[in-house]
């Protein structure tokens, strides 16, 4: 089953009419797809060997402003470091080429500079995670997400938010059977 170009245009117009602040667009590509947070491109290479190559990198929606926490926010001092490291690890594992990683890391650097972070602090974080660590983080991401328990069974690694834990201890009840 396929839809016509006219049907696709009418559907886009219907979506766009839902709000004056949102403008939907559509595109059709034979060699490119935006899937989850990846931009995937299929291309033909002729050198050094003729083959089809699948490239991928981070996909950002057209309206993405890279609005991270401001440097003077009241978050714990380790929060910015965690954001930077987390984003860099995400760039490692979701970039098929080193140049994509470098471009995204530079974009991240400028986004944080615009939010008031110092050059020194950013270079400290950006400097200790380079492309050579990509294999480590890719392999780590492929590890099982559950922890096996001797004697059988498996549990997911979980951690209860300390605030929720305290509220539950004080008598706060969760109704998980609502409909």
N, C-alpha and C. Protein backbone atom coordinates (compact mmCIF):
# COMPACT_ATOMS: atom_id res chain seq x y z
N UNK A 1 0.85 -1.17 0.00
CA UNK A 1 0.00 0.00 0.00
C UNK A 1 0.90 1.23 0.00
N UNK A 2 0.58 2.17 -0.84
CA UNK A 2 1.36 3.41 -0.93
C UNK A 2 0.40 4.58 -0.98
N UNK A 3 0.90 5.72 -0.54
CA UNK A 3 0.09 6.93 -0.62
C UNK A 3 0.65 7.80 -1.74
N UNK A 4 -0.18 8.66 -2.26
CA UNK A 4 0.25 9.54 -3.35
C UNK A 4 0.92 10.78 -2.76
N UNK A 5 1.60 11.51 -3.61
CA UNK A 5 2.22 12.77 -3.20
C UNK A 5 1.16 13.75 -2.72
N UNK A 6 0.04 13.77 -3.40
CA UNK A 6 -1.06 14.67 -3.01
C UNK A 6 -1.59 14.31 -1.63
N UNK A 7 -1.76 13.01 -1.35
CA UNK A 7 -2.22 12.58 -0.03
C UNK A 7 -1.22 12.99 1.05
N UNK A 8 0.06 12.82 0.77
CA UNK A 8 1.10 13.20 1.74
C UNK A 8 1.05 14.70 2.00
N UNK A 9 0.88 15.50 0.95
CA UNK A 9 0.81 16.96 1.10
C UNK A 9 -0.43 17.37 1.90
N UNK A 10 -1.57 16.73 1.64
CA UNK A 10 -2.79 17.03 2.39
C UNK A 10 -2.63 16.68 3.87
N UNK A 11 -1.99 15.55 4.14
CA UNK A 11 -1.74 15.15 5.53
C UNK A 11 -0.83 16.15 6.22
N UNK A 12 0.23 16.59 5.56
CA UNK A 12 1.13 17.60 6.13
C UNK A 12 0.37 18.89 6.42
N UNK A 13 -0.48 19.30 5.51
CA UNK A 13 -1.27 20.52 5.70
C UNK A 13 -2.20 20.38 6.90
N UNK A 14 -2.80 19.21 7.06
CA UNK A 14 -3.69 18.96 8.21
C UNK A 14 -2.90 19.07 9.52
N UNK A 15 -1.71 18.49 9.56
CA UNK A 15 -0.89 18.57 10.77
C UNK A 15 -0.47 20.00 11.06
N UNK A 16 -0.04 20.72 10.03
CA UNK A 16 0.41 22.09 10.20
C UNK A 16 -0.72 22.99 10.69
N UNK A 17 -1.94 22.71 10.26
CA UNK A 17 -3.10 23.52 10.66
C UNK A 17 -3.44 23.35 12.14
N UNK A 18 -2.88 22.37 12.81
CA UNK A 18 -3.19 22.12 14.22
C UNK A 18 -2.67 23.23 15.13
N UNK A 19 -1.60 23.90 14.72
CA UNK A 19 -1.03 24.95 15.55
C UNK A 19 -0.34 25.99 14.68
N UNK A 20 -0.48 27.24 15.08
CA UNK A 20 0.19 28.30 14.32
C UNK A 20 1.69 28.36 14.62
N UNK A 21 2.13 27.64 15.65
CA UNK A 21 3.53 27.69 16.06
C UNK A 21 4.36 26.53 15.52
N UNK A 22 3.71 25.54 14.92
CA UNK A 22 4.42 24.36 14.44
C UNK A 22 4.25 24.26 12.93
N UNK A 23 5.36 24.09 12.24
CA UNK A 23 5.32 23.92 10.80
C UNK A 23 5.91 22.56 10.46
N UNK A 24 5.08 21.65 9.99
CA UNK A 24 5.54 20.31 9.63
C UNK A 24 6.10 20.35 8.22
N UNK A 25 7.04 19.48 7.95
CA UNK A 25 7.57 19.35 6.61
C UNK A 25 7.73 17.86 6.31
N UNK A 26 7.78 17.55 5.06
CA UNK A 26 8.00 16.16 4.69
C UNK A 26 9.05 16.11 3.59
N UNK A 27 9.76 15.02 3.57
CA UNK A 27 10.77 14.82 2.55
C UNK A 27 10.83 13.35 2.21
N UNK A 28 11.19 13.07 1.00
CA UNK A 28 11.30 11.68 0.57
C UNK A 28 12.68 11.49 -0.04
N UNK A 29 13.42 10.56 0.50
CA UNK A 29 14.77 10.31 0.04
C UNK A 29 14.93 8.83 -0.27
N UNK A 30 15.72 8.53 -1.25
CA UNK A 30 15.96 7.13 -1.57
C UNK A 30 17.19 6.58 -0.87
N UNK A 31 18.05 7.44 -0.38
CA UNK A 31 19.30 6.98 0.24
C UNK A 31 19.52 7.53 1.64
N UNK A 32 18.48 8.08 2.26
CA UNK A 32 18.65 8.71 3.57
C UNK A 32 17.40 8.49 4.41
N UNK A 33 17.62 8.31 5.72
CA UNK A 33 16.48 8.15 6.63
C UNK A 33 16.85 8.71 7.99
N UNK A 34 15.92 9.38 8.61
CA UNK A 34 16.08 9.82 9.99
C UNK A 34 15.29 8.87 10.85
N UNK A 35 15.99 8.11 11.68
CA UNK A 35 15.35 7.07 12.48
C UNK A 35 15.80 7.22 13.92
N UNK A 36 14.83 7.38 14.84
CA UNK A 36 15.11 7.65 16.25
C UNK A 36 16.04 8.85 16.31
N UNK A 37 17.23 8.73 16.90
CA UNK A 37 18.12 9.90 16.93
C UNK A 37 19.31 9.72 16.01
N UNK A 38 19.12 8.96 14.91
CA UNK A 38 20.17 8.75 13.93
C UNK A 38 19.76 9.30 12.57
N UNK A 39 20.72 9.85 11.87
CA UNK A 39 20.56 10.21 10.47
C UNK A 39 21.37 9.17 9.70
N UNK A 40 20.69 8.33 8.94
CA UNK A 40 21.32 7.21 8.27
C UNK A 40 21.37 7.50 6.78
N UNK A 41 22.55 7.31 6.17
CA UNK A 41 22.74 7.54 4.75
C UNK A 41 23.37 6.30 4.12
N UNK A 42 22.83 5.89 3.00
CA UNK A 42 23.38 4.76 2.25
C UNK A 42 24.01 5.35 0.99
N UNK A 43 25.30 5.02 0.76
CA UNK A 43 25.99 5.58 -0.40
C UNK A 43 26.89 4.53 -1.05
N UNK A 44 27.16 4.75 -2.31
CA UNK A 44 28.05 3.88 -3.04
C UNK A 44 29.47 4.43 -2.97
N UNK A 45 30.42 3.56 -2.66
CA UNK A 45 31.83 3.92 -2.70
C UNK A 45 32.47 3.16 -3.84
N UNK A 46 33.41 3.78 -4.53
CA UNK A 46 34.10 3.09 -5.61
C UNK A 46 35.58 2.86 -5.29
N UNK A 47 36.11 3.60 -4.36
CA UNK A 47 37.52 3.44 -4.00
C UNK A 47 37.66 3.25 -2.51
N UNK A 48 38.47 2.40 -1.97
CA UNK A 48 39.40 1.50 -2.67
C UNK A 48 38.72 0.26 -3.22
N UNK A 49 37.51 -0.04 -2.75
CA UNK A 49 36.75 -1.19 -3.24
C UNK A 49 35.32 -0.73 -3.50
N UNK A 50 34.74 -1.20 -4.58
CA UNK A 50 33.34 -0.85 -4.87
C UNK A 50 32.45 -1.55 -3.84
N UNK A 51 31.67 -0.75 -3.11
CA UNK A 51 30.79 -1.31 -2.10
C UNK A 51 29.74 -0.29 -1.70
N UNK A 52 28.72 -0.76 -1.02
CA UNK A 52 27.71 0.12 -0.46
C UNK A 52 28.08 0.38 0.99
N UNK A 53 28.06 1.63 1.37
CA UNK A 53 28.44 2.02 2.73
C UNK A 53 27.22 2.62 3.44
N UNK A 54 27.04 2.24 4.70
CA UNK A 54 25.98 2.81 5.53
C UNK A 54 26.66 3.72 6.55
N UNK A 55 26.38 4.99 6.45
CA UNK A 55 26.91 5.97 7.39
C UNK A 55 25.79 6.42 8.32
N UNK A 56 26.16 6.77 9.54
CA UNK A 56 25.17 7.28 10.48
C UNK A 56 25.82 8.29 11.40
N UNK A 57 25.00 9.17 11.88
CA UNK A 57 25.42 10.21 12.82
C UNK A 57 24.21 10.67 13.62
N UNK A 58 24.44 11.54 14.58
CA UNK A 58 23.36 12.07 15.41
C UNK A 58 22.39 12.88 14.54
N UNK A 59 21.10 12.62 14.71
CA UNK A 59 20.07 13.41 14.03
C UNK A 59 19.54 14.43 15.02
N UNK A 60 19.45 15.65 14.58
CA UNK A 60 18.84 16.71 15.39
C UNK A 60 17.68 17.30 14.61
N UNK A 61 16.57 17.46 15.28
CA UNK A 61 15.41 18.05 14.62
C UNK A 61 15.77 19.46 14.15
N UNK A 62 15.12 19.95 13.10
CA UNK A 62 15.44 21.28 12.58
C UNK A 62 15.35 22.39 13.62
N UNK A 63 14.47 22.28 14.61
CA UNK A 63 14.31 23.33 15.61
C UNK A 63 15.18 23.16 16.85
N UNK A 64 16.07 22.18 16.86
CA UNK A 64 16.90 21.91 18.04
C UNK A 64 17.83 23.10 18.31
N UNK A 65 17.80 23.61 19.54
CA UNK A 65 18.62 24.77 19.89
C UNK A 65 19.81 24.41 20.77
N UNK A 66 20.00 23.12 21.05
CA UNK A 66 21.09 22.67 21.93
C UNK A 66 21.08 23.46 23.24
N UNK A 67 19.93 23.57 23.85
CA UNK A 67 19.75 24.36 25.07
C UNK A 67 20.08 23.51 26.30
N UNK A 68 21.34 23.46 26.65
CA UNK A 68 21.78 22.73 27.84
C UNK A 68 21.68 23.64 29.06
N UNK A 69 21.97 23.08 30.24
CA UNK A 69 21.95 23.88 31.47
C UNK A 69 22.91 25.05 31.39
N UNK A 70 22.52 26.18 31.94
CA UNK A 70 23.42 27.32 32.03
C UNK A 70 24.50 27.04 33.07
N UNK A 71 25.66 27.65 32.87
CA UNK A 71 26.78 27.44 33.78
C UNK A 71 26.44 27.88 35.20
N UNK A 72 25.60 28.89 35.34
CA UNK A 72 25.28 29.39 36.67
C UNK A 72 23.98 28.81 37.23
N UNK A 73 23.56 27.65 36.71
CA UNK A 73 22.36 27.02 37.24
C UNK A 73 22.64 26.49 38.65
N UNK A 74 21.61 26.15 39.37
CA UNK A 74 21.77 25.69 40.75
C UNK A 74 21.88 24.17 40.85
N UNK A 75 22.26 23.53 39.76
CA UNK A 75 22.45 22.08 39.78
C UNK A 75 23.77 21.75 40.48
N UNK A 76 23.90 20.52 40.91
CA UNK A 76 25.15 20.08 41.56
C UNK A 76 26.31 20.29 40.60
N UNK A 77 27.50 20.54 41.14
CA UNK A 77 28.65 20.88 40.31
C UNK A 77 29.06 19.77 39.35
N UNK A 78 28.71 18.53 39.66
CA UNK A 78 29.08 17.43 38.76
C UNK A 78 28.12 17.29 37.58
N UNK A 79 26.97 17.94 37.62
CA UNK A 79 25.96 17.79 36.56
C UNK A 79 26.47 18.19 35.18
N UNK A 80 27.13 19.36 35.05
CA UNK A 80 27.61 19.72 33.70
C UNK A 80 28.63 18.72 33.16
N UNK A 81 29.51 18.25 34.03
CA UNK A 81 30.50 17.27 33.58
C UNK A 81 29.81 16.01 33.08
N UNK A 82 28.81 15.57 33.80
CA UNK A 82 28.06 14.38 33.41
C UNK A 82 27.35 14.58 32.08
N UNK A 83 26.78 15.78 31.86
CA UNK A 83 26.11 16.05 30.59
C UNK A 83 27.09 16.00 29.43
N UNK A 84 28.24 16.63 29.60
CA UNK A 84 29.24 16.68 28.53
C UNK A 84 29.74 15.28 28.21
N UNK A 85 30.13 14.54 29.25
CA UNK A 85 30.65 13.19 29.04
C UNK A 85 29.57 12.30 28.43
N UNK A 86 28.36 12.41 28.93
CA UNK A 86 27.26 11.60 28.39
C UNK A 86 27.00 11.89 26.92
N UNK A 87 27.00 13.16 26.54
CA UNK A 87 26.80 13.52 25.14
C UNK A 87 27.95 13.02 24.28
N UNK A 88 29.18 13.15 24.77
CA UNK A 88 30.33 12.68 23.98
C UNK A 88 30.28 11.17 23.77
N UNK A 89 29.91 10.44 24.80
CA UNK A 89 29.79 8.99 24.66
C UNK A 89 28.69 8.67 23.64
N UNK A 90 27.61 9.41 23.69
CA UNK A 90 26.52 9.23 22.71
C UNK A 90 27.03 9.50 21.30
N UNK A 91 27.87 10.54 21.13
CA UNK A 91 28.43 10.86 19.82
C UNK A 91 29.35 9.74 19.34
N UNK A 92 30.15 9.16 20.26
CA UNK A 92 31.02 8.02 19.89
C UNK A 92 30.21 6.90 19.27
N UNK A 93 29.20 6.49 20.00
CA UNK A 93 28.48 5.28 19.63
C UNK A 93 27.49 5.51 18.49
N UNK A 94 27.20 6.76 18.18
CA UNK A 94 26.23 7.04 17.13
C UNK A 94 26.82 7.83 15.98
N UNK A 95 28.13 7.67 15.77
CA UNK A 95 28.81 8.28 14.64
C UNK A 95 29.63 7.20 13.95
N UNK A 96 29.38 6.99 12.67
CA UNK A 96 30.12 5.96 11.95
C UNK A 96 31.48 6.47 11.48
N UNK A 97 31.69 7.75 11.47
CA UNK A 97 32.95 8.33 11.00
C UNK A 97 33.50 9.31 12.04
N UNK A 98 34.81 9.35 12.09
CA UNK A 98 35.48 10.24 13.04
C UNK A 98 35.12 11.70 12.78
N UNK A 99 35.02 12.09 11.50
CA UNK A 99 34.71 13.49 11.19
C UNK A 99 33.33 13.89 11.69
N UNK A 100 32.36 12.96 11.70
CA UNK A 100 31.05 13.27 12.27
C UNK A 100 31.18 13.54 13.76
N UNK A 101 31.95 12.69 14.44
CA UNK A 101 32.17 12.87 15.88
C UNK A 101 32.79 14.23 16.15
N UNK A 102 33.81 14.59 15.39
CA UNK A 102 34.50 15.88 15.60
C UNK A 102 33.54 17.04 15.37
N UNK A 103 32.75 16.98 14.30
CA UNK A 103 31.79 18.05 14.03
C UNK A 103 30.78 18.19 15.17
N UNK A 104 30.27 17.06 15.66
CA UNK A 104 29.31 17.10 16.76
C UNK A 104 29.94 17.56 18.06
N UNK A 105 31.19 17.15 18.33
CA UNK A 105 31.89 17.59 19.54
C UNK A 105 32.13 19.10 19.48
N UNK A 106 32.46 19.62 18.32
CA UNK A 106 32.65 21.07 18.17
C UNK A 106 31.33 21.81 18.39
N UNK A 107 30.24 21.25 17.87
CA UNK A 107 28.93 21.85 18.08
C UNK A 107 28.59 21.86 19.57
N UNK A 108 28.91 20.76 20.26
CA UNK A 108 28.66 20.67 21.70
C UNK A 108 29.50 21.71 22.45
N UNK A 109 30.76 21.85 22.07
CA UNK A 109 31.64 22.84 22.69
C UNK A 109 31.01 24.23 22.59
N UNK A 110 30.61 24.62 21.40
CA UNK A 110 30.04 25.97 21.20
C UNK A 110 28.70 26.13 21.93
N UNK A 111 27.91 25.06 21.98
CA UNK A 111 26.63 25.13 22.71
C UNK A 111 26.88 25.41 24.19
N UNK A 112 27.86 24.75 24.78
CA UNK A 112 28.16 24.98 26.19
C UNK A 112 28.85 26.32 26.41
N UNK A 113 29.68 26.76 25.48
CA UNK A 113 30.29 28.10 25.61
C UNK A 113 29.20 29.16 25.60
N UNK A 114 28.18 28.97 24.74
CA UNK A 114 27.06 29.92 24.68
C UNK A 114 26.24 29.91 25.96
N UNK A 115 26.33 28.85 26.75
CA UNK A 115 25.60 28.75 28.01
C UNK A 115 26.46 29.21 29.20
N UNK A 116 27.66 29.76 28.94
CA UNK A 116 28.47 30.35 29.99
C UNK A 116 29.58 29.48 30.56
N UNK A 117 29.82 28.31 29.99
CA UNK A 117 30.89 27.44 30.49
C UNK A 117 32.24 27.93 29.98
N UNK A 118 33.28 27.74 30.79
CA UNK A 118 34.61 28.22 30.42
C UNK A 118 35.28 27.27 29.43
N UNK A 119 36.17 27.82 28.66
CA UNK A 119 36.94 27.03 27.69
C UNK A 119 37.73 25.94 28.42
N UNK A 120 38.34 26.31 29.54
CA UNK A 120 39.17 25.36 30.30
C UNK A 120 38.36 24.14 30.77
N UNK A 121 37.19 24.41 31.31
CA UNK A 121 36.34 23.31 31.81
C UNK A 121 35.92 22.40 30.68
N UNK A 122 35.55 22.97 29.54
CA UNK A 122 35.09 22.17 28.41
C UNK A 122 36.22 21.34 27.81
N UNK A 123 37.39 21.94 27.67
CA UNK A 123 38.53 21.21 27.10
C UNK A 123 38.94 20.07 28.02
N UNK A 124 38.81 20.26 29.33
CA UNK A 124 39.10 19.16 30.27
C UNK A 124 38.23 17.95 29.94
N UNK A 125 36.94 18.18 29.73
CA UNK A 125 36.01 17.09 29.46
C UNK A 125 36.18 16.57 28.03
N UNK A 126 36.23 17.50 27.08
CA UNK A 126 36.33 17.10 25.67
C UNK A 126 37.66 16.41 25.39
N UNK A 127 38.70 16.84 26.09
CA UNK A 127 40.04 16.31 25.84
C UNK A 127 40.24 14.88 26.30
N UNK A 128 39.54 14.46 27.34
CA UNK A 128 39.82 13.11 27.85
C UNK A 128 38.99 12.03 27.16
N UNK A 129 38.09 12.43 26.27
CA UNK A 129 37.31 11.46 25.49
C UNK A 129 37.57 11.69 24.01
N UNK A 130 38.47 10.91 23.44
CA UNK A 130 38.72 11.05 22.02
C UNK A 130 38.29 9.80 21.27
N UNK A 131 38.38 9.84 19.96
CA UNK A 131 37.87 8.79 19.09
C UNK A 131 38.47 7.42 19.41
N UNK A 132 39.66 7.39 19.97
CA UNK A 132 40.31 6.11 20.27
C UNK A 132 39.53 5.31 21.32
N UNK A 133 38.67 5.95 22.08
CA UNK A 133 37.88 5.25 23.10
C UNK A 133 36.54 4.75 22.57
N UNK A 134 36.29 4.96 21.28
CA UNK A 134 35.00 4.57 20.69
C UNK A 134 34.72 3.09 20.84
N UNK A 135 35.69 2.25 20.55
CA UNK A 135 35.48 0.80 20.64
C UNK A 135 35.09 0.38 22.06
N UNK A 136 35.74 0.98 23.06
CA UNK A 136 35.43 0.66 24.45
C UNK A 136 33.96 0.94 24.76
N UNK A 137 33.50 2.15 24.40
CA UNK A 137 32.12 2.52 24.72
C UNK A 137 31.11 1.76 23.86
N UNK A 138 31.46 1.45 22.63
CA UNK A 138 30.57 0.65 21.79
C UNK A 138 30.40 -0.75 22.37
N UNK A 139 31.52 -1.35 22.78
CA UNK A 139 31.47 -2.69 23.37
C UNK A 139 30.68 -2.66 24.68
N UNK A 140 30.89 -1.63 25.47
CA UNK A 140 30.17 -1.50 26.74
C UNK A 140 28.66 -1.39 26.51
N UNK A 141 28.27 -0.69 25.45
CA UNK A 141 26.86 -0.54 25.14
C UNK A 141 26.21 -1.84 24.68
N UNK A 142 27.03 -2.78 24.19
CA UNK A 142 26.50 -4.06 23.73
C UNK A 142 26.38 -5.09 24.85
N UNK A 143 26.88 -4.76 26.03
CA UNK A 143 26.80 -5.69 27.16
C UNK A 143 25.34 -5.91 27.55
N UNK A 144 25.05 -7.08 28.14
CA UNK A 144 23.67 -7.32 28.59
C UNK A 144 23.22 -6.22 29.56
N UNK A 145 21.97 -5.86 29.43
CA UNK A 145 21.43 -4.79 30.28
C UNK A 145 20.85 -5.32 31.58
N UNK A 146 20.93 -6.64 31.78
CA UNK A 146 20.45 -7.22 33.03
C UNK A 146 21.61 -7.88 33.75
N UNK A 147 21.48 -8.00 35.04
CA UNK A 147 22.50 -8.60 35.89
C UNK A 147 21.99 -9.96 36.33
N UNK A 148 22.74 -11.00 36.03
CA UNK A 148 22.32 -12.36 36.40
C UNK A 148 22.66 -12.63 37.86
N UNK A 149 21.78 -13.36 38.53
CA UNK A 149 21.95 -13.67 39.94
C UNK A 149 22.29 -15.16 40.07
N UNK A 150 23.33 -15.50 40.87
CA UNK A 150 23.64 -16.92 41.06
C UNK A 150 22.42 -17.66 41.58
N UNK A 151 22.17 -18.85 41.03
CA UNK A 151 21.02 -19.63 41.46
C UNK A 151 19.81 -19.41 40.59
N UNK A 152 19.92 -18.55 39.59
CA UNK A 152 18.81 -18.37 38.66
C UNK A 152 18.18 -17.00 38.75
N UNK A 153 17.41 -16.70 37.75
CA UNK A 153 16.72 -15.42 37.70
C UNK A 153 17.64 -14.28 37.29
N UNK A 154 17.06 -13.18 36.99
CA UNK A 154 17.81 -11.99 36.64
C UNK A 154 16.99 -10.79 37.06
N UNK A 155 17.66 -9.73 37.46
CA UNK A 155 16.97 -8.50 37.81
C UNK A 155 17.60 -7.36 37.02
N UNK A 156 16.79 -6.39 36.71
CA UNK A 156 17.32 -5.20 36.07
C UNK A 156 18.00 -4.36 37.15
N UNK A 157 19.09 -3.71 36.79
CA UNK A 157 19.73 -2.80 37.72
C UNK A 157 18.82 -1.58 37.87
N UNK A 158 18.38 -1.32 39.08
CA UNK A 158 17.50 -0.18 39.31
C UNK A 158 18.00 0.61 40.50
N UNK A 159 17.60 1.85 40.55
CA UNK A 159 17.91 2.69 41.70
C UNK A 159 16.69 3.58 41.93
N UNK A 160 16.21 3.60 43.14
CA UNK A 160 15.05 4.42 43.48
C UNK A 160 15.53 5.82 43.79
N UNK A 161 14.84 6.78 43.25
CA UNK A 161 15.13 8.17 43.52
C UNK A 161 15.07 8.40 45.03
N UNK A 162 16.13 8.97 45.65
CA UNK A 162 16.14 9.16 47.10
C UNK A 162 14.94 9.96 47.63
N UNK A 163 14.46 10.93 46.86
CA UNK A 163 13.31 11.73 47.30
C UNK A 163 12.07 10.84 47.35
N UNK A 164 11.86 10.03 46.31
CA UNK A 164 10.72 9.12 46.30
C UNK A 164 10.85 8.08 47.41
N UNK A 165 12.06 7.61 47.64
CA UNK A 165 12.28 6.61 48.69
C UNK A 165 11.88 7.19 50.04
N UNK A 166 12.26 8.44 50.30
CA UNK A 166 11.91 9.08 51.56
C UNK A 166 10.39 9.29 51.65
N UNK A 167 9.76 9.68 50.54
CA UNK A 167 8.31 9.90 50.55
C UNK A 167 7.57 8.60 50.82
N UNK A 168 8.02 7.51 50.24
CA UNK A 168 7.38 6.21 50.46
C UNK A 168 7.55 5.79 51.92
N UNK A 169 8.75 6.02 52.48
CA UNK A 169 8.99 5.71 53.89
C UNK A 169 8.06 6.49 54.81
N UNK A 170 7.71 7.71 54.40
CA UNK A 170 6.86 8.58 55.21
C UNK A 170 5.37 8.29 54.99
N UNK A 171 5.04 7.30 54.16
CA UNK A 171 3.65 6.92 54.01
C UNK A 171 3.04 7.26 52.67
N UNK A 172 3.78 7.86 51.76
CA UNK A 172 3.28 8.17 50.43
C UNK A 172 2.97 6.86 49.70
N UNK A 173 1.78 6.75 49.11
CA UNK A 173 1.36 5.52 48.44
C UNK A 173 1.27 5.75 46.93
N UNK A 174 1.65 4.76 46.16
CA UNK A 174 1.52 4.79 44.71
C UNK A 174 0.43 3.81 44.31
N UNK A 175 -0.54 4.27 43.53
CA UNK A 175 -1.58 3.39 43.02
C UNK A 175 -1.20 3.00 41.60
N UNK A 176 -0.67 1.78 41.46
CA UNK A 176 -0.23 1.31 40.15
C UNK A 176 -1.32 0.58 39.40
N UNK A 177 -2.52 0.53 39.95
CA UNK A 177 -3.63 -0.19 39.32
C UNK A 177 -4.68 0.75 38.74
N UNK A 178 -4.36 2.02 38.55
CA UNK A 178 -5.34 2.96 38.03
C UNK A 178 -5.60 2.71 36.55
N UNK A 179 -6.77 3.07 36.13
CA UNK A 179 -7.13 2.91 34.70
C UNK A 179 -7.90 4.10 34.21
